[in-house]
Amino acid sequence: MRDCSYPFDWLFSDDFSGIIAAIENNFSDFLSYDKLLQHENNKSRYYNSIYKFSFYHDFNKFQSLKSQLQFVQEKYSRRINRFMNDIHEPTVFFRYIISKDDMNYVIANH
């Protein structure tokens, strides 16, 4: 049923407030070099310290972040632009929730 990718499709987040903040901030600092932290036990995973997203599928652990970042930024720029254009129409979001805190946030702020 899906015909394209959006910015949240391949990310992991257990904090829905980060998703809302990213949208409200027009994805500012979404993939900023100084906001990305490499996971200690999984070197191919990076974490955005502002929005609390984990990028599991975008980085190669054998290459430096600097050498890969521009390509990943360009890919997500396309996804973000598509997302921002498409949400002007009525949109249904599906979200997999794994923590009670995240579920409580969604219920309290829907």
C-alpha atoms as a PDB file:
ATOM      1  CA  MET A   1       0.000   0.000   0.000  1.00  0.00           C
ATOM      2  CA  ARG A   2       2.969   2.310   0.460  1.00  0.00           C
ATOM      3  CA  ASP A   3       4.425   3.966  -2.610  1.00  0.00           C
ATOM      4  CA  CYS A   4       7.188   6.059  -1.028  1.00  0.00           C
ATOM      5  CA  SER A   5       9.233   6.560   2.138  1.00  0.00           C
ATOM      6  CA  TYR A   6       8.787   9.278   4.701  1.00  0.00           C
ATOM      7  CA  PRO A   7      11.191  10.498   7.397  1.00  0.00           C
ATOM      8  CA  PHE A   8       9.810   8.370  10.238  1.00  0.00           C
ATOM      9  CA  ASP A   9       9.482   5.092   8.312  1.00  0.00           C
ATOM     10  CA  TRP A  10      12.889   3.676   9.191  1.00  0.00           C
ATOM     11  CA  LEU A  11      13.535   5.380  12.518  1.00  0.00           C
ATOM     12  CA  PHE A  12      12.976   4.139  16.015  1.00  0.00           C
ATOM     13  CA  SER A  13      11.621   6.403  18.709  1.00  0.00           C
ATOM     14  CA  ASP A  14       9.895   5.620  21.959  1.00  0.00           C
ATOM     15  CA  ASP A  15       9.147   9.297  22.606  1.00  0.00           C
ATOM     16  CA  PHE A  16       6.273  10.635  20.530  1.00  0.00           C
ATOM     17  CA  SER A  17       6.976  14.175  21.709  1.00  0.00           C
ATOM     18  CA  GLY A  18      10.165  14.062  19.604  1.00  0.00           C
ATOM     19  CA  ILE A  19       8.116  13.352  16.481  1.00  0.00           C
ATOM     20  CA  ILE A  20       5.811  16.278  17.219  1.00  0.00           C
ATOM     21  CA  ALA A  21       8.790  18.542  17.936  1.00  0.00           C
ATOM     22  CA  ALA A  22      10.531  17.556  14.682  1.00  0.00           C
ATOM     23  CA  ILE A  23       7.418  18.424  12.668  1.00  0.00           C
ATOM     24  CA  GLU A  24       6.823  21.690  14.554  1.00  0.00           C
ATOM     25  CA  ASN A  25      10.494  22.682  14.092  1.00  0.00           C
ATOM     26  CA  ASN A  26      10.385  21.851  10.381  1.00  0.00           C
ATOM     27  CA  PHE A  27      12.948  19.085  11.044  1.00  0.00           C
ATOM     28  CA  SER A  28      15.621  21.582  12.100  1.00  0.00           C
ATOM     29  CA  ASP A  29      18.731  19.710  13.355  1.00  0.00           C
ATOM     30  CA  PHE A  30      17.179  16.400  12.294  1.00  0.00           C
ATOM     31  CA  LEU A  31      20.507  15.213  10.885  1.00  0.00           C
ATOM     32  CA  SER A  32      22.916  17.805  12.242  1.00  0.00           C
ATOM     33  CA  TYR A  33      26.411  16.417  12.720  1.00  0.00           C
ATOM     34  CA  ASP A  34      26.762  17.758  16.257  1.00  0.00           C
ATOM     35  CA  LYS A  35      23.382  16.333  17.342  1.00  0.00           C
ATOM     36  CA  LEU A  36      24.106  12.747  16.283  1.00  0.00           C
ATOM     37  CA  LEU A  37      25.609  10.331  18.767  1.00  0.00           C
ATOM     38  CA  GLN A  38      26.976   6.937  17.784  1.00  0.00           C
ATOM     39  CA  HIS A  39      25.597   4.045  19.796  1.00  0.00           C
ATOM     40  CA  GLU A  40      28.242   2.422  21.954  1.00  0.00           C
ATOM     41  CA  ASN A  41      27.311  -1.216  21.257  1.00  0.00           C
ATOM     42  CA  ASN A  42      26.037  -0.851  17.691  1.00  0.00           C
ATOM     43  CA  LYS A  43      28.348   1.371  15.649  1.00  0.00           C
ATOM     44  CA  SER A  44      25.970   1.492  12.654  1.00  0.00           C
ATOM     45  CA  ARG A  45      23.265   3.105  14.806  1.00  0.00           C
ATOM     46  CA  TYR A  46      23.123   6.842  15.482  1.00  0.00           C
ATOM     47  CA  TYR A  47      20.888   8.739  17.888  1.00  0.00           C
ATOM     48  CA  ASN A  48      19.545  12.272  17.474  1.00  0.00           C
ATOM     49  CA  SER A  49      19.980  13.907  20.878  1.00  0.00           C
ATOM     50  CA  ILE A  50      17.261  16.533  20.302  1.00  0.00           C
ATOM     51  CA  TYR A  51      14.370  14.451  18.965  1.00  0.00           C
ATOM     52  CA  LYS A  52      15.427  11.125  20.498  1.00  0.00           C
ATOM     53  CA  PHE A  53      15.336   9.153  17.226  1.00  0.00           C
ATOM     54  CA  SER A  54      17.586   6.225  16.475  1.00  0.00           C
ATOM     55  CA  PHE A  55      18.752   5.740  12.905  1.00  0.00           C
ATOM     56  CA  TYR A  56      19.264   1.988  12.460  1.00  0.00           C
ATOM     57  CA  HIS A  57      19.354   1.578   8.680  1.00  0.00           C
ATOM     58  CA  ASP A  58      21.220   4.571   7.294  1.00  0.00           C
ATOM     59  CA  PHE A  59      24.828   4.388   8.397  1.00  0.00           C
ATOM     60  CA  ASN A  60      27.708   2.020   7.819  1.00  0.00           C
ATOM     61  CA  LYS A  61      29.733   1.255  10.944  1.00  0.00           C
ATOM     62  CA  PHE A  62      32.917   0.955   8.884  1.00  0.00           C
ATOM     63  CA  GLN A  63      32.765   4.536   7.576  1.00  0.00           C
ATOM     64  CA  SER A  64      32.990   7.815   9.415  1.00  0.00           C
ATOM     65  CA  LEU A  65      29.849   9.798  10.097  1.00  0.00           C
ATOM     66  CA  LYS A  66      31.276  12.738   8.143  1.00  0.00           C
ATOM     67  CA  SER A  67      31.814  10.658   5.019  1.00  0.00           C
ATOM     68  CA  GLN A  68      28.218   9.369   5.022  1.00  0.00           C
ATOM     69  CA  LEU A  69      26.224  12.251   6.385  1.00  0.00           C
ATOM     70  CA  GLN A  70      25.645  14.248   3.195  1.00  0.00           C
ATOM     71  CA  PHE A  71      24.144  11.234   1.399  1.00  0.00           C
ATOM     72  CA  VAL A  72      21.851  10.460   4.355  1.00  0.00           C
ATOM     73  CA  GLN A  73      20.856  14.138   4.671  1.00  0.00           C
ATOM     74  CA  GLU A  74      19.904  14.260   0.972  1.00  0.00           C
ATOM     75  CA  LYS A  75      17.826  11.092   1.283  1.00  0.00           C
ATOM     76  CA  TYR A  76      15.972  12.431   4.329  1.00  0.00           C
ATOM     77  CA  SER A  77      15.535  15.851   2.750  1.00  0.00           C
ATOM     78  CA  ARG A  78      13.521  14.208  -0.034  1.00  0.00           C
ATOM     79  CA  ARG A  79      11.491  12.233   2.506  1.00  0.00           C
ATOM     80  CA  ILE A  80      10.866  15.304   4.667  1.00  0.00           C
ATOM     81  CA  ASN A  81       9.761  17.439   1.698  1.00  0.00           C
ATOM     82  CA  ARG A  82       7.408  14.679   0.558  1.00  0.00           C
ATOM     83  CA  PHE A  83       6.024  14.296   4.083  1.00  0.00           C
ATOM     84  CA  MET A  84       5.466  18.034   4.602  1.00  0.00           C
ATOM     85  CA  ASN A  85       3.677  18.308   1.242  1.00  0.00           C
ATOM     86  CA  ASP A  86       1.531  15.242   1.802  1.00  0.00           C
ATOM     87  CA  ILE A  87       0.292  16.123   5.294  1.00  0.00           C
ATOM     88  CA  HIS A  88      -1.632  19.081   3.891  1.00  0.00           C
ATOM     89  CA  GLU A  89      -4.249  16.495   2.959  1.00  0.00           C
ATOM     90  CA  PRO A  90      -6.067  14.453   5.613  1.00  0.00           C
ATOM     91  CA  THR A  91      -3.529  11.892   6.807  1.00  0.00           C
ATOM     92  CA  VAL A  92      -3.657   8.753   8.904  1.00  0.00           C
ATOM     93  CA  PHE A  93      -0.566   7.911  10.941  1.00  0.00           C
ATOM     94  CA  PHE A  94       0.188   4.432  12.217  1.00  0.00           C
ATOM     95  CA  ARG A  95       2.591   4.138  15.098  1.00  0.00           C
ATOM     96  CA  TYR A  96       3.951   1.126  16.909  1.00  0.00           C
ATOM     97  CA  ILE A  97       4.155   1.947  20.607  1.00  0.00           C
ATOM     98  CA  ILE A  98       6.412  -0.080  22.885  1.00  0.00           C
ATOM     99  CA  SER A  99       6.424   1.879  26.140  1.00  0.00           C
ATOM    100  CA  LYS A 100       3.673   2.922  28.536  1.00  0.00           C
ATOM    101  CA  ASP A 101       5.164   6.415  28.778  1.00  0.00           C
ATOM    102  CA  ASP A 102       4.858   6.855  25.017  1.00  0.00           C
ATOM    103  CA  MET A 103       1.304   5.495  25.039  1.00  0.00           C
ATOM    104  CA  ASN A 104       0.336   7.848  27.878  1.00  0.00           C
ATOM    105  CA  TYR A 105       1.800  10.809  25.986  1.00  0.00           C
ATOM    106  CA  VAL A 106      -0.202   9.951  22.846  1.00  0.00           C
ATOM    107  CA  ILE A 107      -3.435   9.504  24.843  1.00  0.00           C
ATOM    108  CA  ALA A 108      -2.925  12.750  26.768  1.00  0.00           C
ATOM    109  CA  ASN A 109      -2.030  14.802  23.695  1.00  0.00           C
ATOM    110  CA  HIS A 110      -4.097  13.371  20.853  1.00  0.00           C
END
